Amino acid sequence: MAMTFTSYIIKSFKHDGHLHRTWMENGMVPEPLLQEVHKAEAMMVLINSQTKIIEADGKEWVSRIPGVSFFIPKQWFNVVALLEESGVRYYCNVASPPYVNGRVITYIDYDLDVIRMPGGSVHVVDQEEYERHKICYHYSSIVDAKVKQGLSDLLQRIERGKAPFHDEWVHDYYRHWEKWKGQGTEA
């Protein structure tokens, strides 16, 4: 049975609606390949490597580090597992839940990020940026509460080692995608 990794575009926006960053090619992991725990949460798992990235100012660059992205409906965060030489680094965006329209996934990036290093240390970054944007973009108390809850839920998931924080699954998804790419199949 041939598995197809359908190509999606991922776009992040800021609260005021302006485009923040676009990842041009991301292969959606077919449902039969998803881990049961990922299926149970209806996670969307996408893979990219050397994809074109376009910044808000129009600058373009190509990602050098393969990434496996996890989007979970209704959750106020998303996770990108970066496959680095030293191990898997999880870069987590506190963000609105994903919205899918056709083959485009969008979300609002709320600046706060959590990084889990390959050795397991966890760092919350960009808190000053969040506080600054909360004022300049006039985040409502509802948005502020959702962002803080998203950060709390994310940190609990990391602490408990819950999905998607499992290096072997990340590598497994990437291997499936590489094998599929090697067959020269396009979605």
N, C-alpha and C. Protein backbone atom coordinates (compact mmCIF):
# COMPACT_ATOMS: atom_id res chain seq x y z
N MET A 1 0.85 -1.19 0.00
CA MET A 1 0.00 0.00 0.00
C MET A 1 0.88 1.24 0.00
N ALA A 2 0.71 2.09 -0.99
CA ALA A 2 1.53 3.30 -1.10
C ALA A 2 1.02 4.38 -0.14
N MET A 3 1.94 4.91 0.65
CA MET A 3 1.61 6.00 1.58
C MET A 3 2.06 7.30 0.93
N THR A 4 1.20 8.29 0.96
CA THR A 4 1.56 9.58 0.38
C THR A 4 1.65 10.64 1.46
N PHE A 5 2.75 11.36 1.47
CA PHE A 5 2.94 12.50 2.37
C PHE A 5 2.48 13.74 1.61
N THR A 6 1.23 14.13 1.82
CA THR A 6 0.66 15.29 1.11
C THR A 6 1.36 16.56 1.57
N SER A 7 1.70 17.42 0.60
CA SER A 7 2.42 18.65 0.92
C SER A 7 1.48 19.75 1.42
N TYR A 8 1.86 20.36 2.54
CA TYR A 8 1.12 21.46 3.15
C TYR A 8 2.03 22.68 3.31
N ILE A 9 1.43 23.85 3.33
CA ILE A 9 2.13 25.08 3.66
C ILE A 9 1.75 25.41 5.11
N ILE A 10 2.73 25.84 5.89
CA ILE A 10 2.46 26.27 7.27
C ILE A 10 2.73 27.77 7.34
N LYS A 11 1.74 28.53 7.85
CA LYS A 11 1.89 29.99 7.98
C LYS A 11 1.63 30.40 9.42
N SER A 12 2.56 31.20 9.96
CA SER A 12 2.30 31.76 11.28
C SER A 12 2.05 33.26 11.13
N PHE A 13 1.12 33.74 11.93
CA PHE A 13 0.73 35.14 11.92
C PHE A 13 0.96 35.73 13.30
N LYS A 14 0.94 37.06 13.38
CA LYS A 14 0.93 37.74 14.67
C LYS A 14 -0.52 38.10 14.98
N HIS A 15 -0.76 38.50 16.21
CA HIS A 15 -2.13 38.76 16.70
C HIS A 15 -2.87 39.80 15.85
N ASP A 16 -2.15 40.76 15.30
CA ASP A 16 -2.81 41.81 14.51
C ASP A 16 -3.11 41.36 13.08
N GLY A 17 -2.80 40.10 12.76
CA GLY A 17 -3.14 39.56 11.45
C GLY A 17 -2.02 39.61 10.43
N HIS A 18 -0.86 40.24 10.78
CA HIS A 18 0.20 40.26 9.76
C HIS A 18 0.98 38.95 9.76
N LEU A 19 1.38 38.56 8.56
CA LEU A 19 2.11 37.32 8.36
C LEU A 19 3.46 37.39 9.06
N HIS A 20 3.80 36.34 9.76
CA HIS A 20 5.07 36.28 10.49
C HIS A 20 6.11 35.43 9.74
N ARG A 21 5.72 34.20 9.36
CA ARG A 21 6.67 33.30 8.69
C ARG A 21 5.89 32.21 7.96
N THR A 22 6.43 31.76 6.80
CA THR A 22 5.80 30.71 6.01
C THR A 22 6.82 29.62 5.70
N TRP A 23 6.42 28.37 5.95
CA TRP A 23 7.22 27.20 5.58
C TRP A 23 6.53 26.60 4.36
N MET A 24 7.22 26.57 3.23
CA MET A 24 6.58 26.26 1.96
C MET A 24 6.23 24.78 1.72
N GLU A 25 7.07 23.86 2.16
CA GLU A 25 6.79 22.44 1.88
C GLU A 25 6.94 21.61 3.14
N ASN A 26 5.82 21.00 3.54
CA ASN A 26 5.78 20.17 4.74
C ASN A 26 4.95 18.94 4.41
N GLY A 27 5.54 17.76 4.56
CA GLY A 27 4.83 16.53 4.24
C GLY A 27 4.01 16.04 5.42
N MET A 28 2.70 15.93 5.22
CA MET A 28 1.80 15.43 6.28
C MET A 28 1.96 13.91 6.40
N VAL A 29 2.27 13.45 7.60
CA VAL A 29 2.40 12.01 7.83
C VAL A 29 1.03 11.36 7.64
N PRO A 30 0.93 10.34 6.77
CA PRO A 30 -0.36 9.67 6.55
C PRO A 30 -0.86 9.01 7.84
N GLU A 31 -2.17 9.06 8.04
CA GLU A 31 -2.74 8.55 9.29
C GLU A 31 -2.32 7.12 9.64
N PRO A 32 -2.25 6.17 8.68
CA PRO A 32 -1.84 4.81 9.06
C PRO A 32 -0.44 4.74 9.69
N LEU A 33 0.41 5.73 9.45
CA LEU A 33 1.76 5.72 10.03
C LEU A 33 1.82 6.39 11.40
N LEU A 34 0.74 7.06 11.81
CA LEU A 34 0.76 7.77 13.10
C LEU A 34 0.75 6.80 14.28
N GLN A 35 1.48 7.18 15.33
CA GLN A 35 1.44 6.44 16.58
C GLN A 35 0.03 6.54 17.15
N GLU A 36 -0.43 5.51 17.83
CA GLU A 36 -1.79 5.49 18.39
C GLU A 36 -2.05 6.70 19.29
N VAL A 37 -1.07 7.06 20.10
CA VAL A 37 -1.23 8.18 21.02
C VAL A 37 -1.41 9.50 20.25
N HIS A 38 -0.79 9.59 19.08
CA HIS A 38 -0.96 10.78 18.24
C HIS A 38 -2.33 10.78 17.56
N LYS A 39 -2.75 9.60 17.10
CA LYS A 39 -4.10 9.48 16.51
C LYS A 39 -5.16 9.85 17.54
N ALA A 40 -4.97 9.41 18.78
CA ALA A 40 -5.96 9.63 19.84
C ALA A 40 -6.22 11.12 20.05
N GLU A 41 -5.20 11.95 19.82
CA GLU A 41 -5.35 13.40 19.98
C GLU A 41 -5.57 14.10 18.64
N ALA A 42 -5.75 13.33 17.57
CA ALA A 42 -5.93 13.88 16.21
C ALA A 42 -4.78 14.81 15.83
N MET A 43 -3.57 14.47 16.26
CA MET A 43 -2.40 15.29 15.93
C MET A 43 -2.14 15.28 14.43
N MET A 44 -1.74 16.44 13.93
CA MET A 44 -1.24 16.53 12.57
C MET A 44 0.28 16.56 12.70
N VAL A 45 0.94 15.63 12.02
CA VAL A 45 2.40 15.54 12.09
C VAL A 45 2.93 15.82 10.69
N LEU A 46 3.82 16.82 10.59
CA LEU A 46 4.36 17.21 9.29
C LEU A 46 5.87 17.22 9.35
N ILE A 47 6.49 16.92 8.20
CA ILE A 47 7.94 16.84 8.14
C ILE A 47 8.46 17.76 7.07
N ASN A 48 9.57 18.45 7.40
CA ASN A 48 10.24 19.23 6.36
C ASN A 48 11.74 19.12 6.51
N SER A 49 12.40 19.29 5.41
CA SER A 49 13.86 19.32 5.37
C SER A 49 14.24 20.15 4.16
N GLN A 50 15.08 21.13 4.39
CA GLN A 50 15.51 22.02 3.31
C GLN A 50 14.31 22.63 2.59
N THR A 51 13.34 23.06 3.40
CA THR A 51 12.18 23.73 2.81
C THR A 51 12.45 25.23 2.76
N LYS A 52 11.85 25.90 1.79
CA LYS A 52 11.98 27.35 1.69
C LYS A 52 11.13 27.98 2.78
N ILE A 53 11.73 28.96 3.47
CA ILE A 53 11.02 29.69 4.51
C ILE A 53 11.01 31.16 4.10
N ILE A 54 9.83 31.78 4.17
CA ILE A 54 9.70 33.19 3.80
C ILE A 54 9.33 33.98 5.05
N GLU A 55 10.14 34.97 5.36
CA GLU A 55 9.89 35.82 6.53
C GLU A 55 8.89 36.91 6.18
N ALA A 56 8.36 37.58 7.20
CA ALA A 56 7.37 38.65 7.01
C ALA A 56 7.88 39.76 6.09
N ASP A 57 9.19 40.02 6.14
CA ASP A 57 9.77 41.10 5.32
C ASP A 57 10.11 40.64 3.90
N GLY A 58 9.75 39.39 3.57
CA GLY A 58 10.00 38.89 2.22
C GLY A 58 11.31 38.14 2.05
N LYS A 59 12.18 38.20 3.07
CA LYS A 59 13.45 37.46 3.00
C LYS A 59 13.16 35.97 2.92
N GLU A 60 13.93 35.28 2.08
CA GLU A 60 13.76 33.84 1.92
C GLU A 60 15.04 33.13 2.34
N TRP A 61 14.88 31.99 2.94
CA TRP A 61 16.02 31.14 3.29
C TRP A 61 15.56 29.69 3.29
N VAL A 62 16.49 28.78 3.38
CA VAL A 62 16.17 27.35 3.34
C VAL A 62 16.59 26.72 4.67
N SER A 63 15.66 25.98 5.26
CA SER A 63 15.97 25.34 6.55
C SER A 63 17.09 24.32 6.36
N ARG A 64 18.01 24.29 7.30
CA ARG A 64 19.13 23.35 7.22
C ARG A 64 18.91 22.13 8.12
N ILE A 65 18.04 22.29 9.11
CA ILE A 65 17.83 21.21 10.07
C ILE A 65 16.47 20.58 9.83
N PRO A 66 16.43 19.26 9.61
CA PRO A 66 15.13 18.59 9.41
C PRO A 66 14.23 18.81 10.63
N GLY A 67 12.93 19.00 10.36
CA GLY A 67 11.99 19.23 11.44
C GLY A 67 10.76 18.36 11.31
N VAL A 68 10.25 17.92 12.45
CA VAL A 68 8.98 17.19 12.51
C VAL A 68 8.06 18.04 13.38
N SER A 69 6.99 18.57 12.77
CA SER A 69 6.08 19.48 13.47
C SER A 69 4.83 18.74 13.93
N PHE A 70 4.36 19.11 15.13
CA PHE A 70 3.18 18.51 15.72
C PHE A 70 2.16 19.59 16.03
N PHE A 71 0.97 19.47 15.44
CA PHE A 71 -0.14 20.39 15.72
C PHE A 71 -1.27 19.57 16.33
N ILE A 72 -1.80 20.06 17.46
CA ILE A 72 -2.84 19.34 18.18
C ILE A 72 -4.09 20.23 18.24
N PRO A 73 -5.21 19.74 17.68
CA PRO A 73 -6.43 20.56 17.73
C PRO A 73 -6.76 21.02 19.15
N LYS A 74 -7.21 22.25 19.25
CA LYS A 74 -7.65 22.89 20.50
C LYS A 74 -6.51 23.22 21.48
N GLN A 75 -5.27 22.83 21.18
CA GLN A 75 -4.16 23.15 22.10
C GLN A 75 -3.51 24.48 21.72
N TRP A 76 -3.16 25.26 22.72
CA TRP A 76 -2.56 26.59 22.49
C TRP A 76 -1.02 26.50 22.45
N PHE A 77 -0.53 25.54 21.70
CA PHE A 77 0.91 25.42 21.43
C PHE A 77 1.09 24.46 20.27
N ASN A 78 2.26 24.53 19.64
CA ASN A 78 2.66 23.52 18.67
C ASN A 78 4.12 23.21 18.91
N VAL A 79 4.57 22.09 18.40
CA VAL A 79 5.91 21.59 18.72
C VAL A 79 6.64 21.25 17.43
N VAL A 80 7.89 21.71 17.33
CA VAL A 80 8.74 21.33 16.20
C VAL A 80 9.94 20.59 16.77
N ALA A 81 10.08 19.33 16.39
CA ALA A 81 11.22 18.52 16.83
C ALA A 81 12.30 18.68 15.76
N LEU A 82 13.43 19.26 16.14
CA LEU A 82 14.53 19.50 15.20
C LEU A 82 15.57 18.40 15.36
N LEU A 83 15.85 17.70 14.26
CA LEU A 83 16.79 16.59 14.31
C LEU A 83 18.21 17.10 14.11
N GLU A 84 18.86 17.43 15.21
CA GLU A 84 20.22 17.97 15.17
C GLU A 84 21.22 16.86 15.44
N GLU A 85 22.48 17.14 15.13
CA GLU A 85 23.52 16.13 15.34
C GLU A 85 23.63 15.71 16.80
N SER A 86 23.38 16.66 17.71
CA SER A 86 23.50 16.37 19.14
C SER A 86 22.27 15.66 19.71
N GLY A 87 21.22 15.52 18.90
CA GLY A 87 19.99 14.89 19.37
C GLY A 87 18.78 15.71 18.94
N VAL A 88 17.62 15.36 19.48
CA VAL A 88 16.39 16.06 19.11
C VAL A 88 16.19 17.26 20.03
N ARG A 89 16.07 18.45 19.42
CA ARG A 89 15.76 19.68 20.17
C ARG A 89 14.31 20.03 19.85
N TYR A 90 13.50 20.16 20.88
CA TYR A 90 12.08 20.49 20.69
C TYR A 90 11.89 21.99 20.85
N TYR A 91 11.45 22.63 19.77
CA TYR A 91 11.18 24.06 19.79
C TYR A 91 9.66 24.20 19.80
N CYS A 92 9.13 24.73 20.89
CA CYS A 92 7.68 24.77 21.08
C CYS A 92 7.18 26.21 21.05
N ASN A 93 6.21 26.46 20.22
CA ASN A 93 5.60 27.78 20.12
C ASN A 93 4.31 27.81 20.92
N VAL A 94 4.19 28.78 21.83
CA VAL A 94 2.89 29.01 22.45
C VAL A 94 2.12 29.80 21.41
N ALA A 95 0.99 29.23 20.96
CA ALA A 95 0.31 29.76 19.79
C ALA A 95 -1.16 29.34 19.82
N SER A 96 -1.96 30.02 19.00
CA SER A 96 -3.36 29.62 18.90
C SER A 96 -3.44 28.20 18.34
N PRO A 97 -4.57 27.52 18.56
CA PRO A 97 -4.74 26.21 17.95
C PRO A 97 -4.64 26.32 16.42
N PRO A 98 -4.21 25.24 15.76
CA PRO A 98 -4.05 25.29 14.31
C PRO A 98 -5.39 25.41 13.59
N TYR A 99 -5.38 26.10 12.47
CA TYR A 99 -6.55 26.21 11.60
C TYR A 99 -6.13 25.68 10.24
N VAL A 100 -6.91 24.74 9.71
CA VAL A 100 -6.57 24.13 8.42
C VAL A 100 -7.58 24.57 7.37
N ASN A 101 -7.07 25.07 6.26
CA ASN A 101 -7.92 25.45 5.12
C ASN A 101 -7.24 24.88 3.88
N GLY A 102 -7.82 23.83 3.31
CA GLY A 102 -7.19 23.17 2.18
C GLY A 102 -5.87 22.56 2.62
N ARG A 103 -4.80 22.93 1.93
CA ARG A 103 -3.48 22.40 2.29
C ARG A 103 -2.62 23.47 2.96
N VAL A 104 -3.28 24.34 3.72
CA VAL A 104 -2.58 25.39 4.46
C VAL A 104 -2.97 25.29 5.93
N ILE A 105 -1.96 25.25 6.79
CA ILE A 105 -2.18 25.25 8.24
C ILE A 105 -1.72 26.61 8.75
N THR A 106 -2.60 27.30 9.49
CA THR A 106 -2.23 28.61 10.02
C THR A 106 -2.40 28.61 11.54
N TYR A 107 -1.66 29.52 12.17
CA TYR A 107 -1.82 29.74 13.61
C TYR A 107 -1.28 31.12 13.94
N ILE A 108 -1.67 31.62 15.11
CA ILE A 108 -1.15 32.90 15.59
C ILE A 108 -0.06 32.59 16.60
N ASP A 109 1.12 33.15 16.36
CA ASP A 109 2.28 32.95 17.22
C ASP A 109 2.23 34.00 18.33
N TYR A 110 2.22 33.54 19.57
CA TYR A 110 2.17 34.46 20.71
C TYR A 110 3.52 34.63 21.40
N ASP A 111 4.59 34.54 20.64
CA ASP A 111 5.94 34.91 21.06
C ASP A 111 6.60 33.97 22.07
N LEU A 112 5.87 33.56 23.10
CA LEU A 112 6.48 32.70 24.11
C LEU A 112 6.90 31.38 23.48
N ASP A 113 8.10 30.97 23.78
CA ASP A 113 8.62 29.70 23.25
C ASP A 113 9.20 28.89 24.39
N VAL A 114 9.12 27.59 24.25
CA VAL A 114 9.74 26.68 25.20
C VAL A 114 10.68 25.80 24.39
N ILE A 115 11.92 25.69 24.85
CA ILE A 115 12.90 24.85 24.16
C ILE A 115 13.32 23.73 25.09
N ARG A 116 13.17 22.50 24.61
CA ARG A 116 13.68 21.36 25.37
C ARG A 116 14.91 20.85 24.63
N MET A 117 16.04 20.96 25.28
CA MET A 117 17.31 20.58 24.67
C MET A 117 17.47 19.05 24.65
N PRO A 118 18.37 18.55 23.77
CA PRO A 118 18.58 17.10 23.71
C PRO A 118 18.89 16.46 25.07
N GLY A 119 19.58 17.19 25.94
CA GLY A 119 19.91 16.64 27.27
C GLY A 119 18.75 16.67 28.24
N GLY A 120 17.65 17.33 27.85
CA GLY A 120 16.47 17.36 28.71
C GLY A 120 16.20 18.69 29.41
N SER A 121 17.17 19.63 29.37
CA SER A 121 16.93 20.91 30.03
C SER A 121 15.85 21.68 29.27
N VAL A 122 15.06 22.45 30.03
CA VAL A 122 13.92 23.17 29.47
C VAL A 122 14.09 24.66 29.72
N HIS A 123 13.86 25.46 28.68
CA HIS A 123 14.02 26.92 28.77
C HIS A 123 12.78 27.61 28.21
N VAL A 124 12.19 28.53 28.99
CA VAL A 124 11.10 29.36 28.49
C VAL A 124 11.75 30.66 28.02
N VAL A 125 11.52 31.01 26.75
CA VAL A 125 12.18 32.20 26.19
C VAL A 125 11.16 33.18 25.61
N ASP A 126 11.62 34.39 25.40
CA ASP A 126 10.85 35.48 24.78
C ASP A 126 9.69 35.98 25.64
N GLN A 127 9.84 35.89 26.96
CA GLN A 127 8.78 36.40 27.84
C GLN A 127 8.65 37.92 27.73
N GLU A 128 9.80 38.62 27.56
CA GLU A 128 9.74 40.09 27.43
C GLU A 128 9.01 40.47 26.15
N GLU A 129 9.26 39.71 25.07
CA GLU A 129 8.60 39.97 23.79
C GLU A 129 7.09 39.78 23.94
N TYR A 130 6.69 38.74 24.68
CA TYR A 130 5.26 38.50 24.90
C TYR A 130 4.64 39.69 25.64
N GLU A 131 5.29 40.13 26.71
CA GLU A 131 4.75 41.24 27.51
C GLU A 131 4.65 42.52 26.66
N ARG A 132 5.65 42.75 25.81
CA ARG A 132 5.65 43.94 24.94
C ARG A 132 4.50 43.85 23.93
N HIS A 133 4.34 42.69 23.28
CA HIS A 133 3.29 42.51 22.28
C HIS A 133 1.90 42.50 22.91
N LYS A 134 1.81 42.03 24.15
CA LYS A 134 0.52 42.02 24.85
C LYS A 134 -0.03 43.46 24.93
N ILE A 135 0.87 44.40 25.14
CA ILE A 135 0.47 45.81 25.21
C ILE A 135 0.23 46.37 23.81
N CYS A 136 1.19 46.19 22.90
CA CYS A 136 1.06 46.85 21.59
C CYS A 136 -0.03 46.23 20.72
N TYR A 137 -0.32 44.92 20.88
CA TYR A 137 -1.39 44.29 20.10
C TYR A 137 -2.71 44.21 20.86
N HIS A 138 -2.71 44.72 22.09
CA HIS A 138 -3.94 44.75 22.91
C HIS A 138 -4.56 43.37 23.09
N TYR A 139 -3.74 42.41 23.57
CA TYR A 139 -4.29 41.09 23.83
C TYR A 139 -5.39 41.21 24.87
N SER A 140 -6.52 40.54 24.63
CA SER A 140 -7.61 40.55 25.60
C SER A 140 -7.23 39.67 26.79
N SER A 141 -7.98 39.82 27.87
CA SER A 141 -7.72 38.98 29.05
C SER A 141 -7.97 37.51 28.71
N ILE A 142 -8.88 37.24 27.77
CA ILE A 142 -9.17 35.86 27.36
C ILE A 142 -7.96 35.27 26.64
N VAL A 143 -7.39 36.05 25.70
CA VAL A 143 -6.19 35.58 24.98
C VAL A 143 -5.04 35.38 25.96
N ASP A 144 -4.83 36.34 26.86
CA ASP A 144 -3.76 36.23 27.85
C ASP A 144 -3.92 34.96 28.69
N ALA A 145 -5.15 34.67 29.10
CA ALA A 145 -5.42 33.46 29.90
C ALA A 145 -5.15 32.20 29.08
N LYS A 146 -5.57 32.19 27.81
CA LYS A 146 -5.35 31.02 26.93
C LYS A 146 -3.85 30.78 26.72
N VAL A 147 -3.10 31.86 26.51
CA VAL A 147 -1.65 31.76 26.30
C VAL A 147 -0.99 31.18 27.56
N LYS A 148 -1.36 31.70 28.72
CA LYS A 148 -0.76 31.22 29.98
C LYS A 148 -1.13 29.77 30.24
N GLN A 149 -2.38 29.39 29.91
CA GLN A 149 -2.80 27.99 30.07
C GLN A 149 -2.04 27.10 29.09
N GLY A 150 -1.86 27.59 27.85
CA GLY A 150 -1.10 26.84 26.85
C GLY A 150 0.32 26.58 27.31
N LEU A 151 0.96 27.61 27.89
CA LEU A 151 2.32 27.47 28.40
C LEU A 151 2.35 26.44 29.52
N SER A 152 1.39 26.52 30.44
CA SER A 152 1.32 25.58 31.55
C SER A 152 1.11 24.15 31.06
N ASP A 153 0.16 23.96 30.13
CA ASP A 153 -0.11 22.62 29.57
C ASP A 153 1.12 22.05 28.88
N LEU A 154 1.81 22.90 28.14
CA LEU A 154 3.02 22.49 27.43
C LEU A 154 4.11 22.05 28.40
N LEU A 155 4.35 22.85 29.43
CA LEU A 155 5.40 22.51 30.41
C LEU A 155 5.05 21.21 31.14
N GLN A 156 3.77 20.99 31.44
CA GLN A 156 3.36 19.72 32.08
C GLN A 156 3.62 18.53 31.16
N ARG A 157 3.30 18.69 29.89
CA ARG A 157 3.53 17.62 28.91
C ARG A 157 5.02 17.26 28.85
N ILE A 158 5.86 18.29 28.80
CA ILE A 158 7.31 18.06 28.74
C ILE A 158 7.77 17.33 30.01
N GLU A 159 7.33 17.84 31.16
CA GLU A 159 7.73 17.27 32.45
C GLU A 159 7.34 15.80 32.56
N ARG A 160 6.16 15.47 32.03
CA ARG A 160 5.65 14.08 32.12
C ARG A 160 6.12 13.20 30.97
N GLY A 161 6.84 13.80 30.00
CA GLY A 161 7.32 13.02 28.86
C GLY A 161 6.19 12.53 27.97
N LYS A 162 5.08 13.30 27.93
CA LYS A 162 3.93 12.89 27.12
C LYS A 162 4.16 13.29 25.66
N ALA A 163 3.34 12.68 24.77
CA ALA A 163 3.43 12.97 23.33
C ALA A 163 3.30 14.48 23.11
N PRO A 164 4.08 15.01 22.19
CA PRO A 164 4.94 14.32 21.21
C PRO A 164 6.41 14.23 21.60
N PHE A 165 6.73 14.34 22.91
CA PHE A 165 8.13 14.39 23.34
C PHE A 165 8.72 12.99 23.48
N HIS A 166 8.97 12.38 22.34
CA HIS A 166 9.48 11.01 22.30
C HIS A 166 10.40 10.91 21.08
N ASP A 167 11.72 10.97 21.32
CA ASP A 167 12.70 11.04 20.24
C ASP A 167 12.57 9.93 19.21
N GLU A 168 12.31 8.71 19.67
CA GLU A 168 12.27 7.58 18.73
C GLU A 168 11.15 7.74 17.72
N TRP A 169 9.99 8.24 18.16
CA TRP A 169 8.88 8.45 17.23
C TRP A 169 9.22 9.52 16.21
N VAL A 170 9.92 10.56 16.67
CA VAL A 170 10.35 11.64 15.76
C VAL A 170 11.24 11.05 14.67
N HIS A 171 12.22 10.27 15.07
CA HIS A 171 13.14 9.64 14.10
C HIS A 171 12.39 8.69 13.17
N ASP A 172 11.44 7.96 13.72
CA ASP A 172 10.65 7.01 12.95
C ASP A 172 9.87 7.74 11.84
N TYR A 173 9.19 8.81 12.20
CA TYR A 173 8.45 9.60 11.21
C TYR A 173 9.39 10.10 10.12
N TYR A 174 10.54 10.60 10.54
CA TYR A 174 11.49 11.16 9.57
C TYR A 174 12.00 10.07 8.62
N ARG A 175 12.28 8.88 9.16
CA ARG A 175 12.74 7.76 8.32
C ARG A 175 11.69 7.38 7.27
N HIS A 176 10.43 7.31 7.70
CA HIS A 176 9.34 7.00 6.76
C HIS A 176 9.28 8.04 5.63
N TRP A 177 9.42 9.30 6.01
CA TRP A 177 9.35 10.40 5.03
C TRP A 177 10.53 10.32 4.05
N GLU A 178 11.74 10.08 4.61
CA GLU A 178 12.93 9.97 3.75
C GLU A 178 12.78 8.82 2.75
N LYS A 179 12.25 7.70 3.24
CA LYS A 179 12.04 6.53 2.37
C LYS A 179 11.06 6.89 1.25
N TRP A 180 9.96 7.57 1.63
CA TRP A 180 8.95 7.98 0.65
C TRP A 180 9.56 8.96 -0.37
N LYS A 181 10.35 9.94 0.12
CA LYS A 181 10.99 10.91 -0.78
C LYS A 181 11.93 10.20 -1.75
N GLY A 182 12.61 9.18 -1.25
CA GLY A 182 13.55 8.43 -2.09
C GLY A 182 12.88 7.68 -3.21
N GLN A 183 11.57 7.45 -3.09
CA GLN A 183 10.84 6.76 -4.16
C GLN A 183 10.44 7.73 -5.27
N GLY A 184 10.72 9.04 -5.05
CA GLY A 184 10.43 10.04 -6.09
C GLY A 184 8.96 10.30 -6.29
N THR A 185 8.17 10.05 -5.25
CA THR A 185 6.72 10.27 -5.35
C THR A 185 6.40 11.70 -4.91
N GLU A 186 5.52 12.35 -5.63
CA GLU A 186 5.10 13.70 -5.22
C GLU A 186 3.60 13.72 -4.97
N ALA A 187 3.20 14.53 -4.01
CA ALA A 187 1.77 14.62 -3.67
C ALA A 187 1.08 15.61 -4.60
